């Protein structure tokens, strides 16, 4: 590291560590909606195959994350109010305990309430073809469970990656603050 008199010892940004296998663009095949598409055959190697419909997803920018938060703040607020109950139910389900019908109803209702956020995120994530919110809703409704879960898993992976990075940054900042507090306390 090059030093200048009075320079604070700070490491350079290690962007490779921050990225952690981030993807920028993903091609997602949706075979369940092939019946709605015109058949198109292409040569793949030495044989002719039918193409499956696909969409291209891209990573969201920070500005787009903020726009989602602004757009769906009321939905997020309602879900945040129910978060303690939902956590208990998810923990119970994770332990392998059987949920009562009323508890399953609460979980299903929360998933239904959160679906507009998923659709809004997919609307911004889908780069090709260009789709509106209503188009994405129709797409999610028309694909089978496997393709729907695939699409939603990309949304979940994107949000969890963002949360992991935010958590690491928060931990580092808290460590810095604790160090500074110790130094100040040692000075007195």
N, C-alpha and C. Protein backbone atom coordinates (compact mmCIF):
# COMPACT_ATOMS: atom_id res chain seq x y z
N UNK A 1 0.85 -1.17 0.00
CA UNK A 1 0.00 0.00 0.00
C UNK A 1 0.90 1.23 0.00
N UNK A 2 0.59 2.17 -0.84
CA UNK A 2 1.32 3.43 -0.89
C UNK A 2 0.86 4.29 0.28
N UNK A 3 1.81 4.89 0.96
CA UNK A 3 1.45 5.69 2.13
C UNK A 3 1.82 7.16 1.89
N UNK A 4 1.00 7.99 2.38
CA UNK A 4 1.23 9.42 2.36
C UNK A 4 1.21 9.85 3.82
N UNK A 5 2.01 10.82 4.17
CA UNK A 5 2.07 11.26 5.56
C UNK A 5 0.66 11.67 6.01
N UNK A 6 0.22 11.09 7.13
CA UNK A 6 -1.09 11.41 7.67
C UNK A 6 -2.21 10.55 7.11
N UNK A 7 -1.89 9.60 6.22
CA UNK A 7 -2.94 8.76 5.63
C UNK A 7 -3.46 7.77 6.66
N UNK A 8 -4.75 7.57 6.65
CA UNK A 8 -5.37 6.59 7.52
C UNK A 8 -5.15 5.21 6.91
N UNK A 9 -4.79 4.24 7.75
CA UNK A 9 -4.61 2.88 7.25
C UNK A 9 -5.96 2.27 6.94
N UNK A 10 -6.28 2.22 5.66
CA UNK A 10 -7.56 1.66 5.24
C UNK A 10 -7.31 0.70 4.08
N UNK A 11 -7.91 -0.48 4.14
CA UNK A 11 -7.72 -1.41 3.03
C UNK A 11 -8.49 -0.94 1.80
N UNK A 12 -7.98 -1.33 0.64
CA UNK A 12 -8.68 -1.02 -0.59
C UNK A 12 -9.93 -1.89 -0.69
N UNK A 13 -10.89 -1.44 -1.44
CA UNK A 13 -12.14 -2.17 -1.60
C UNK A 13 -11.87 -3.47 -2.35
N UNK A 14 -12.33 -4.56 -1.81
CA UNK A 14 -12.20 -5.87 -2.46
C UNK A 14 -13.55 -6.22 -3.07
N UNK A 15 -13.78 -5.74 -4.29
CA UNK A 15 -15.09 -5.89 -4.93
C UNK A 15 -15.39 -7.36 -5.23
N UNK A 16 -14.38 -8.17 -5.43
CA UNK A 16 -14.60 -9.59 -5.68
C UNK A 16 -15.25 -10.25 -4.47
N UNK A 17 -14.86 -9.81 -3.29
CA UNK A 17 -15.45 -10.34 -2.06
C UNK A 17 -16.89 -9.88 -1.91
N UNK A 18 -17.17 -8.66 -2.36
CA UNK A 18 -18.52 -8.12 -2.25
C UNK A 18 -19.46 -8.81 -3.23
N UNK A 19 -18.99 -9.08 -4.42
CA UNK A 19 -19.86 -9.65 -5.45
C UNK A 19 -20.37 -11.04 -5.12
N UNK A 20 -19.51 -11.92 -4.64
CA UNK A 20 -19.91 -13.27 -4.24
C UNK A 20 -20.80 -13.96 -5.24
N UNK A 21 -20.26 -14.27 -6.36
CA UNK A 21 -20.99 -15.00 -7.39
C UNK A 21 -22.25 -14.28 -7.85
N UNK A 22 -22.21 -12.99 -7.83
CA UNK A 22 -23.36 -12.24 -8.33
C UNK A 22 -23.49 -12.49 -9.82
N UNK A 23 -24.68 -12.62 -10.26
CA UNK A 23 -24.92 -12.75 -11.69
C UNK A 23 -25.50 -11.43 -12.18
N UNK A 24 -25.21 -11.08 -13.40
CA UNK A 24 -25.73 -9.85 -13.98
C UNK A 24 -26.94 -10.13 -14.86
N UNK A 25 -26.88 -11.22 -15.61
CA UNK A 25 -27.99 -11.60 -16.49
C UNK A 25 -28.17 -13.12 -16.40
N UNK A 26 -29.41 -13.54 -16.39
CA UNK A 26 -29.72 -14.97 -16.37
C UNK A 26 -30.77 -15.25 -17.43
N UNK A 27 -30.60 -16.35 -18.10
CA UNK A 27 -31.57 -16.81 -19.08
C UNK A 27 -32.40 -17.90 -18.40
N UNK A 28 -33.71 -17.70 -18.31
CA UNK A 28 -34.59 -18.65 -17.63
C UNK A 28 -35.56 -19.23 -18.65
N UNK A 29 -35.53 -20.54 -18.79
CA UNK A 29 -36.43 -21.22 -19.71
C UNK A 29 -37.73 -21.54 -19.00
N UNK A 30 -38.83 -21.37 -19.72
CA UNK A 30 -40.16 -21.61 -19.17
C UNK A 30 -40.91 -22.60 -20.07
N UNK A 31 -40.60 -23.90 -19.94
CA UNK A 31 -41.22 -24.89 -20.83
C UNK A 31 -42.73 -25.03 -20.63
N UNK A 32 -43.25 -24.62 -19.49
CA UNK A 32 -44.67 -24.82 -19.24
C UNK A 32 -45.57 -23.92 -20.08
N UNK A 33 -45.02 -22.84 -20.62
CA UNK A 33 -45.86 -21.98 -21.47
C UNK A 33 -45.57 -22.19 -22.96
N UNK A 34 -44.85 -23.24 -23.29
CA UNK A 34 -44.53 -23.53 -24.69
C UNK A 34 -45.79 -23.76 -25.51
N UNK A 35 -46.85 -24.27 -24.85
CA UNK A 35 -48.10 -24.55 -25.59
C UNK A 35 -48.77 -23.27 -26.08
N UNK A 36 -48.45 -22.12 -25.46
CA UNK A 36 -49.03 -20.85 -25.87
C UNK A 36 -48.21 -20.16 -26.96
N UNK A 37 -47.03 -20.67 -27.24
CA UNK A 37 -46.11 -20.04 -28.18
C UNK A 37 -46.13 -20.77 -29.51
N UNK A 38 -45.85 -20.04 -30.60
CA UNK A 38 -45.75 -20.74 -31.89
C UNK A 38 -44.50 -21.64 -31.88
N UNK A 39 -44.66 -22.82 -32.46
CA UNK A 39 -43.55 -23.78 -32.49
C UNK A 39 -42.44 -23.25 -33.40
N UNK A 40 -41.22 -23.28 -32.87
CA UNK A 40 -40.07 -22.83 -33.66
C UNK A 40 -38.98 -23.88 -33.50
N UNK A 41 -38.55 -24.42 -34.62
CA UNK A 41 -37.50 -25.44 -34.59
C UNK A 41 -36.20 -24.82 -35.07
N UNK A 42 -35.12 -25.18 -34.39
CA UNK A 42 -33.79 -24.71 -34.76
C UNK A 42 -32.84 -25.90 -34.78
N UNK A 43 -31.76 -25.74 -35.50
CA UNK A 43 -30.76 -26.80 -35.53
C UNK A 43 -29.84 -26.64 -34.34
N UNK A 44 -29.72 -27.69 -33.54
CA UNK A 44 -28.82 -27.72 -32.41
C UNK A 44 -27.87 -28.89 -32.62
N UNK A 45 -26.66 -28.57 -33.05
CA UNK A 45 -25.72 -29.63 -33.40
C UNK A 45 -26.17 -30.30 -34.67
N UNK A 46 -26.42 -31.59 -34.59
CA UNK A 46 -26.82 -32.35 -35.77
C UNK A 46 -28.30 -32.67 -35.81
N UNK A 47 -29.06 -32.17 -34.86
CA UNK A 47 -30.49 -32.47 -34.87
C UNK A 47 -31.31 -31.20 -34.72
N UNK A 48 -32.55 -31.31 -35.16
CA UNK A 48 -33.48 -30.19 -35.08
C UNK A 48 -34.29 -30.31 -33.78
N UNK A 49 -34.32 -29.23 -32.99
CA UNK A 49 -35.04 -29.25 -31.72
C UNK A 49 -36.00 -28.07 -31.67
N UNK A 50 -37.05 -28.23 -30.83
CA UNK A 50 -37.99 -27.12 -30.61
C UNK A 50 -37.43 -26.22 -29.53
N UNK A 51 -37.52 -24.93 -29.77
CA UNK A 51 -37.04 -23.98 -28.78
C UNK A 51 -38.08 -23.81 -27.68
N UNK A 52 -37.57 -23.68 -26.45
CA UNK A 52 -38.46 -23.40 -25.32
C UNK A 52 -38.51 -21.89 -25.13
N UNK A 53 -39.66 -21.37 -24.71
CA UNK A 53 -39.72 -19.93 -24.43
C UNK A 53 -38.79 -19.59 -23.26
N UNK A 54 -38.24 -18.40 -23.31
CA UNK A 54 -37.33 -17.99 -22.24
C UNK A 54 -37.48 -16.51 -21.98
N UNK A 55 -37.03 -16.11 -20.82
CA UNK A 55 -36.95 -14.70 -20.47
C UNK A 55 -35.54 -14.44 -19.97
N UNK A 56 -35.13 -13.20 -20.06
CA UNK A 56 -33.80 -12.80 -19.58
C UNK A 56 -34.00 -11.93 -18.35
N UNK A 57 -33.43 -12.38 -17.23
CA UNK A 57 -33.49 -11.61 -15.99
C UNK A 57 -32.18 -10.86 -15.80
N UNK A 58 -32.28 -9.74 -15.15
CA UNK A 58 -31.07 -8.97 -14.84
C UNK A 58 -31.11 -8.56 -13.38
N UNK A 59 -29.98 -8.18 -12.89
CA UNK A 59 -29.83 -7.74 -11.51
C UNK A 59 -30.41 -6.34 -11.34
N UNK A 60 -31.01 -6.08 -10.21
CA UNK A 60 -31.60 -4.77 -9.95
C UNK A 60 -30.55 -3.79 -9.44
N UNK A 61 -30.71 -2.54 -9.82
CA UNK A 61 -29.82 -1.49 -9.32
C UNK A 61 -30.36 -1.00 -7.97
N UNK A 62 -29.55 -0.23 -7.28
CA UNK A 62 -29.96 0.30 -5.98
C UNK A 62 -31.17 1.22 -6.12
N UNK A 63 -31.20 1.97 -7.19
CA UNK A 63 -32.34 2.86 -7.45
C UNK A 63 -33.63 2.07 -7.63
N UNK A 64 -33.54 0.94 -8.32
CA UNK A 64 -34.72 0.10 -8.52
C UNK A 64 -35.19 -0.54 -7.22
N UNK A 65 -34.24 -0.90 -6.34
CA UNK A 65 -34.62 -1.42 -5.02
C UNK A 65 -35.41 -0.36 -4.25
N UNK A 66 -34.94 0.86 -4.29
CA UNK A 66 -35.65 1.94 -3.59
C UNK A 66 -37.03 2.16 -4.19
N UNK A 67 -37.14 2.07 -5.52
CA UNK A 67 -38.44 2.27 -6.15
C UNK A 67 -39.43 1.18 -5.73
N UNK A 68 -38.94 -0.05 -5.55
CA UNK A 68 -39.81 -1.14 -5.09
C UNK A 68 -40.26 -0.85 -3.65
N UNK A 69 -39.32 -0.41 -2.82
CA UNK A 69 -39.68 -0.09 -1.43
C UNK A 69 -40.71 1.03 -1.37
N UNK A 70 -40.56 2.04 -2.22
CA UNK A 70 -41.52 3.15 -2.24
C UNK A 70 -42.88 2.70 -2.78
N UNK A 71 -42.84 1.90 -3.81
CA UNK A 71 -44.06 1.47 -4.49
C UNK A 71 -44.92 0.56 -3.61
N UNK A 72 -44.28 -0.29 -2.83
CA UNK A 72 -45.00 -1.28 -2.04
C UNK A 72 -44.82 -1.06 -0.54
N UNK A 73 -44.67 0.18 -0.11
CA UNK A 73 -44.42 0.44 1.31
C UNK A 73 -45.58 0.01 2.18
N UNK A 74 -46.82 0.14 1.70
CA UNK A 74 -47.98 -0.24 2.53
C UNK A 74 -48.03 -1.76 2.71
N UNK A 75 -47.71 -2.51 1.66
CA UNK A 75 -47.70 -3.97 1.76
C UNK A 75 -46.59 -4.40 2.72
N UNK A 76 -45.43 -3.79 2.59
CA UNK A 76 -44.30 -4.11 3.48
C UNK A 76 -44.63 -3.78 4.92
N UNK A 77 -45.33 -2.68 5.13
CA UNK A 77 -45.70 -2.27 6.48
C UNK A 77 -46.66 -3.29 7.11
N UNK A 78 -47.64 -3.75 6.33
CA UNK A 78 -48.59 -4.75 6.84
C UNK A 78 -47.88 -6.06 7.16
N UNK A 79 -46.96 -6.48 6.30
CA UNK A 79 -46.22 -7.71 6.55
C UNK A 79 -45.30 -7.57 7.77
N UNK A 80 -44.74 -6.38 7.96
CA UNK A 80 -43.87 -6.16 9.12
C UNK A 80 -44.65 -6.26 10.43
N UNK A 81 -45.90 -5.84 10.40
CA UNK A 81 -46.74 -5.94 11.60
C UNK A 81 -46.99 -7.41 11.96
N UNK A 82 -47.09 -8.26 10.95
CA UNK A 82 -47.37 -9.68 11.17
C UNK A 82 -46.10 -10.51 11.33
N UNK A 83 -44.93 -9.89 11.23
CA UNK A 83 -43.67 -10.62 11.23
C UNK A 83 -43.45 -11.51 12.46
N UNK A 84 -43.73 -11.06 13.69
CA UNK A 84 -43.51 -11.96 14.83
C UNK A 84 -44.33 -13.25 14.75
N UNK A 85 -45.57 -13.13 14.34
CA UNK A 85 -46.43 -14.32 14.22
C UNK A 85 -45.91 -15.22 13.10
N UNK A 86 -45.54 -14.61 11.97
CA UNK A 86 -45.05 -15.39 10.84
C UNK A 86 -43.76 -16.12 11.18
N UNK A 87 -42.87 -15.45 11.92
CA UNK A 87 -41.61 -16.10 12.32
C UNK A 87 -41.87 -17.34 13.16
N UNK A 88 -42.80 -17.21 14.11
CA UNK A 88 -43.14 -18.37 14.96
C UNK A 88 -43.66 -19.52 14.13
N UNK A 89 -44.52 -19.20 13.16
CA UNK A 89 -45.09 -20.25 12.32
C UNK A 89 -44.03 -20.89 11.42
N UNK A 90 -43.15 -20.07 10.83
CA UNK A 90 -42.09 -20.62 9.99
C UNK A 90 -41.13 -21.47 10.81
N UNK A 91 -40.82 -21.03 12.04
CA UNK A 91 -39.95 -21.82 12.92
C UNK A 91 -40.61 -23.15 13.26
N UNK A 92 -41.88 -23.11 13.53
CA UNK A 92 -42.63 -24.32 13.85
C UNK A 92 -42.61 -25.29 12.66
N UNK A 93 -42.82 -24.75 11.47
CA UNK A 93 -42.80 -25.59 10.27
C UNK A 93 -41.40 -26.12 9.99
N UNK A 94 -40.37 -25.32 10.26
CA UNK A 94 -38.99 -25.74 10.03
C UNK A 94 -38.58 -26.88 10.97
N UNK A 95 -39.18 -26.92 12.15
CA UNK A 95 -38.89 -27.99 13.11
C UNK A 95 -39.59 -29.29 12.74
N UNK A 96 -40.44 -29.24 11.73
CA UNK A 96 -41.15 -30.44 11.29
C UNK A 96 -42.46 -30.67 12.00
N UNK A 97 -42.91 -29.69 12.78
CA UNK A 97 -44.18 -29.81 13.47
C UNK A 97 -45.32 -29.54 12.49
N UNK A 98 -46.44 -30.18 12.72
CA UNK A 98 -47.60 -30.03 11.84
C UNK A 98 -48.34 -28.75 12.22
N UNK A 99 -48.60 -27.93 11.22
CA UNK A 99 -49.34 -26.69 11.45
C UNK A 99 -50.84 -26.94 11.43
N UNK A 100 -51.55 -26.23 12.27
CA UNK A 100 -53.01 -26.31 12.28
C UNK A 100 -53.54 -25.65 11.00
N UNK A 101 -54.79 -25.91 10.69
CA UNK A 101 -55.40 -25.33 9.50
C UNK A 101 -55.42 -23.81 9.59
N UNK A 102 -55.68 -23.27 10.77
CA UNK A 102 -55.71 -21.81 10.92
C UNK A 102 -54.31 -21.21 10.74
N UNK A 103 -53.28 -21.93 11.19
CA UNK A 103 -51.89 -21.45 11.02
C UNK A 103 -51.49 -21.49 9.55
N UNK A 104 -51.88 -22.54 8.85
CA UNK A 104 -51.59 -22.61 7.42
C UNK A 104 -52.30 -21.50 6.66
N UNK A 105 -53.50 -21.18 7.11
CA UNK A 105 -54.27 -20.11 6.47
C UNK A 105 -53.55 -18.77 6.63
N UNK A 106 -52.96 -18.53 7.81
CA UNK A 106 -52.21 -17.29 8.05
C UNK A 106 -50.99 -17.22 7.12
N UNK A 107 -50.26 -18.33 7.00
CA UNK A 107 -49.08 -18.36 6.13
C UNK A 107 -49.47 -18.15 4.67
N UNK A 108 -50.51 -18.83 4.22
CA UNK A 108 -50.95 -18.67 2.83
C UNK A 108 -51.41 -17.25 2.56
N UNK A 109 -52.10 -16.65 3.51
CA UNK A 109 -52.56 -15.28 3.34
C UNK A 109 -51.37 -14.31 3.24
N UNK A 110 -50.34 -14.53 4.05
CA UNK A 110 -49.17 -13.64 3.99
C UNK A 110 -48.44 -13.80 2.66
N UNK A 111 -48.40 -15.03 2.12
CA UNK A 111 -47.77 -15.23 0.82
C UNK A 111 -48.57 -14.55 -0.28
N UNK A 112 -49.89 -14.59 -0.16
CA UNK A 112 -50.74 -13.92 -1.13
C UNK A 112 -50.55 -12.41 -1.06
N UNK A 113 -50.42 -11.88 0.17
CA UNK A 113 -50.20 -10.44 0.34
C UNK A 113 -48.87 -10.00 -0.23
N UNK A 114 -47.85 -10.84 -0.14
CA UNK A 114 -46.51 -10.45 -0.60
C UNK A 114 -46.32 -10.63 -2.10
N UNK A 115 -47.24 -11.31 -2.77
CA UNK A 115 -47.09 -11.58 -4.20
C UNK A 115 -46.95 -10.32 -5.06
N UNK A 116 -47.66 -9.21 -4.78
CA UNK A 116 -47.44 -8.01 -5.59
C UNK A 116 -45.99 -7.52 -5.56
N UNK A 117 -45.31 -7.70 -4.44
CA UNK A 117 -43.90 -7.29 -4.36
C UNK A 117 -43.06 -8.16 -5.29
N UNK A 118 -43.30 -9.47 -5.26
CA UNK A 118 -42.57 -10.38 -6.15
C UNK A 118 -42.82 -10.02 -7.62
N UNK A 119 -44.06 -9.76 -7.95
CA UNK A 119 -44.39 -9.44 -9.34
C UNK A 119 -43.74 -8.11 -9.74
N UNK A 120 -43.76 -7.13 -8.84
CA UNK A 120 -43.09 -5.85 -9.11
C UNK A 120 -41.60 -6.01 -9.31
N UNK A 121 -40.98 -6.88 -8.51
CA UNK A 121 -39.55 -7.12 -8.68
C UNK A 121 -39.27 -7.82 -10.00
N UNK A 122 -40.11 -8.81 -10.33
CA UNK A 122 -39.93 -9.50 -11.61
C UNK A 122 -40.12 -8.55 -12.78
N UNK A 123 -41.06 -7.62 -12.65
CA UNK A 123 -41.28 -6.64 -13.71
C UNK A 123 -39.99 -5.88 -14.00
N UNK A 124 -39.27 -5.49 -12.96
CA UNK A 124 -38.03 -4.76 -13.15
C UNK A 124 -36.88 -5.67 -13.55
N UNK A 125 -36.91 -6.92 -13.09
CA UNK A 125 -35.83 -7.85 -13.39
C UNK A 125 -35.88 -8.38 -14.82
N UNK A 126 -37.07 -8.51 -15.39
CA UNK A 126 -37.18 -9.09 -16.74
C UNK A 126 -36.71 -8.05 -17.75
N UNK A 127 -35.60 -8.37 -18.38
CA UNK A 127 -35.01 -7.45 -19.36
C UNK A 127 -35.58 -7.70 -20.75
N UNK A 128 -35.72 -8.96 -21.10
CA UNK A 128 -36.29 -9.34 -22.39
C UNK A 128 -37.30 -10.45 -22.16
N UNK A 129 -38.45 -10.41 -22.70
CA UNK A 129 -39.10 -9.33 -23.42
C UNK A 129 -39.54 -8.23 -22.46
N UNK A 130 -39.75 -7.05 -22.99
CA UNK A 130 -40.20 -5.93 -22.17
C UNK A 130 -41.63 -6.20 -21.74
N UNK A 131 -41.86 -6.25 -20.40
CA UNK A 131 -43.19 -6.60 -19.90
C UNK A 131 -43.66 -5.58 -18.87
N UNK A 132 -44.97 -5.35 -18.86
CA UNK A 132 -45.57 -4.48 -17.84
C UNK A 132 -45.92 -5.32 -16.62
N UNK A 133 -46.38 -4.65 -15.57
CA UNK A 133 -46.78 -5.34 -14.34
C UNK A 133 -47.87 -6.36 -14.63
N UNK A 134 -48.86 -5.97 -15.42
CA UNK A 134 -49.97 -6.88 -15.76
C UNK A 134 -49.47 -8.07 -16.58
N UNK A 135 -48.53 -7.83 -17.50
CA UNK A 135 -47.96 -8.93 -18.28
C UNK A 135 -47.25 -9.93 -17.38
N UNK A 136 -46.51 -9.42 -16.43
CA UNK A 136 -45.78 -10.31 -15.51
C UNK A 136 -46.77 -11.09 -14.65
N UNK A 137 -47.84 -10.44 -14.22
CA UNK A 137 -48.86 -11.14 -13.43
C UNK A 137 -49.47 -12.28 -14.25
N UNK A 138 -49.78 -12.02 -15.52
CA UNK A 138 -50.33 -13.07 -16.39
C UNK A 138 -49.31 -14.19 -16.56
N UNK A 139 -48.05 -13.83 -16.74
CA UNK A 139 -46.99 -14.84 -16.88
C UNK A 139 -46.92 -15.73 -15.64
N UNK A 140 -46.90 -15.12 -14.46
CA UNK A 140 -46.81 -15.90 -13.22
C UNK A 140 -48.04 -16.78 -13.04
N UNK A 141 -49.20 -16.27 -13.44
CA UNK A 141 -50.42 -17.07 -13.32
C UNK A 141 -50.48 -18.21 -14.33
N UNK A 142 -49.84 -18.05 -15.49
CA UNK A 142 -49.98 -19.05 -16.54
C UNK A 142 -48.92 -20.15 -16.50
N UNK A 143 -47.79 -19.93 -15.84
CA UNK A 143 -46.77 -20.99 -15.79
C UNK A 143 -47.17 -22.04 -14.76
N UNK A 144 -46.57 -23.21 -14.87
CA UNK A 144 -46.86 -24.26 -13.88
C UNK A 144 -46.10 -23.98 -12.59
N UNK A 145 -46.34 -24.81 -11.58
CA UNK A 145 -45.74 -24.59 -10.26
C UNK A 145 -44.22 -24.60 -10.31
N UNK A 146 -43.64 -25.50 -11.10
CA UNK A 146 -42.19 -25.60 -11.19
C UNK A 146 -41.58 -24.31 -11.74
N UNK A 147 -42.13 -23.81 -12.84
CA UNK A 147 -41.61 -22.57 -13.43
C UNK A 147 -41.87 -21.37 -12.52
N UNK A 148 -43.01 -21.35 -11.86
CA UNK A 148 -43.32 -20.25 -10.93
C UNK A 148 -42.31 -20.24 -9.78
N UNK A 149 -42.05 -21.42 -9.23
CA UNK A 149 -41.07 -21.51 -8.13
C UNK A 149 -39.67 -21.13 -8.61
N UNK A 150 -39.36 -21.46 -9.86
CA UNK A 150 -38.06 -21.07 -10.41
C UNK A 150 -37.94 -19.55 -10.48
N UNK A 151 -38.97 -18.89 -11.01
CA UNK A 151 -38.95 -17.42 -11.09
C UNK A 151 -38.85 -16.79 -9.71
N UNK A 152 -39.66 -17.28 -8.78
CA UNK A 152 -39.66 -16.71 -7.44
C UNK A 152 -38.36 -17.01 -6.71
N UNK A 153 -37.71 -18.12 -7.04
CA UNK A 153 -36.43 -18.42 -6.39
C UNK A 153 -35.35 -17.44 -6.83
N UNK A 154 -35.42 -16.97 -8.09
CA UNK A 154 -34.46 -15.94 -8.51
C UNK A 154 -34.69 -14.64 -7.76
N UNK A 155 -35.93 -14.29 -7.54
CA UNK A 155 -36.24 -13.09 -6.76
C UNK A 155 -35.73 -13.28 -5.33
N UNK A 156 -35.99 -14.45 -4.75
CA UNK A 156 -35.52 -14.72 -3.39
C UNK A 156 -34.01 -14.71 -3.29
N UNK A 157 -33.33 -15.30 -4.27
CA UNK A 157 -31.87 -15.32 -4.22
C UNK A 157 -31.30 -13.92 -4.33
N UNK A 158 -31.91 -13.10 -5.16
CA UNK A 158 -31.46 -11.73 -5.30
C UNK A 158 -31.63 -10.95 -4.00
N UNK A 159 -32.78 -11.11 -3.36
CA UNK A 159 -33.01 -10.39 -2.10
C UNK A 159 -32.14 -10.93 -0.98
N UNK A 160 -31.91 -12.24 -0.95
CA UNK A 160 -31.07 -12.78 0.12
C UNK A 160 -29.61 -12.38 -0.08
N UNK A 161 -29.13 -12.33 -1.34
CA UNK A 161 -27.77 -11.85 -1.58
C UNK A 161 -27.62 -10.42 -1.11
N UNK A 162 -28.60 -9.60 -1.41
CA UNK A 162 -28.56 -8.20 -0.98
C UNK A 162 -28.57 -8.12 0.54
N UNK A 163 -29.38 -8.94 1.18
CA UNK A 163 -29.46 -8.93 2.64
C UNK A 163 -28.15 -9.40 3.27
N UNK A 164 -27.51 -10.39 2.68
CA UNK A 164 -26.23 -10.89 3.21
C UNK A 164 -25.18 -9.80 3.15
N UNK A 165 -25.09 -9.10 2.02
CA UNK A 165 -24.11 -8.03 1.87
C UNK A 165 -24.41 -6.90 2.85
N UNK A 166 -25.69 -6.54 2.98
CA UNK A 166 -26.07 -5.48 3.91
C UNK A 166 -25.76 -5.88 5.34
N UNK A 167 -25.97 -7.15 5.68
CA UNK A 167 -25.67 -7.64 7.03
C UNK A 167 -24.18 -7.58 7.32
N UNK A 168 -23.36 -7.97 6.34
CA UNK A 168 -21.90 -7.91 6.52
C UNK A 168 -21.43 -6.48 6.73
N UNK A 169 -21.96 -5.58 5.93
CA UNK A 169 -21.58 -4.17 6.06
C UNK A 169 -21.98 -3.65 7.43
N UNK A 170 -23.18 -4.02 7.87
CA UNK A 170 -23.66 -3.59 9.19
C UNK A 170 -22.76 -4.14 10.30
N UNK A 171 -22.36 -5.42 10.20
CA UNK A 171 -21.48 -6.00 11.20
C UNK A 171 -20.13 -5.27 11.25
N UNK A 172 -19.57 -4.98 10.07
CA UNK A 172 -18.29 -4.26 10.02
C UNK A 172 -18.42 -2.88 10.65
N UNK A 173 -19.49 -2.19 10.36
CA UNK A 173 -19.69 -0.85 10.93
C UNK A 173 -19.85 -0.92 12.46
N UNK A 174 -20.57 -1.94 12.92
CA UNK A 174 -20.74 -2.10 14.37
C UNK A 174 -19.41 -2.38 15.05
N UNK A 175 -18.56 -3.20 14.40
CA UNK A 175 -17.22 -3.47 14.93
C UNK A 175 -16.41 -2.17 15.00
N UNK A 176 -16.47 -1.36 13.96
CA UNK A 176 -15.76 -0.08 13.96
C UNK A 176 -16.25 0.81 15.09
N UNK A 177 -17.56 0.88 15.26
CA UNK A 177 -18.12 1.71 16.34
C UNK A 177 -17.70 1.20 17.71
N UNK A 178 -17.71 -0.12 17.90
CA UNK A 178 -17.27 -0.69 19.17
C UNK A 178 -15.81 -0.38 19.46
N UNK A 179 -14.95 -0.46 18.41
CA UNK A 179 -13.54 -0.11 18.56
C UNK A 179 -13.38 1.34 18.97
N UNK A 180 -14.12 2.21 18.29
CA UNK A 180 -14.02 3.64 18.59
C UNK A 180 -14.50 3.92 20.01
N UNK A 181 -15.56 3.24 20.45
CA UNK A 181 -16.05 3.44 21.82
C UNK A 181 -15.02 2.98 22.83
N UNK A 182 -14.34 1.86 22.56
CA UNK A 182 -13.31 1.37 23.45
C UNK A 182 -12.14 2.35 23.51
N UNK A 183 -11.78 2.91 22.36
CA UNK A 183 -10.68 3.86 22.33
C UNK A 183 -11.02 5.12 23.10
N UNK A 184 -12.25 5.58 22.93
CA UNK A 184 -12.69 6.78 23.65
C UNK A 184 -12.74 6.48 25.14
N UNK A 185 -13.26 5.30 25.52
CA UNK A 185 -13.33 4.93 26.93
C UNK A 185 -11.92 4.78 27.52
N UNK A 186 -10.98 4.25 26.74
CA UNK A 186 -9.61 4.11 27.22
C UNK A 186 -8.94 5.47 27.38
N UNK A 187 -9.36 6.43 26.58
CA UNK A 187 -8.78 7.80 26.66
C UNK A 187 -9.20 8.52 27.93
N UNK A 188 -10.36 8.16 28.47
CA UNK A 188 -10.82 8.80 29.71
C UNK A 188 -10.29 8.04 30.82
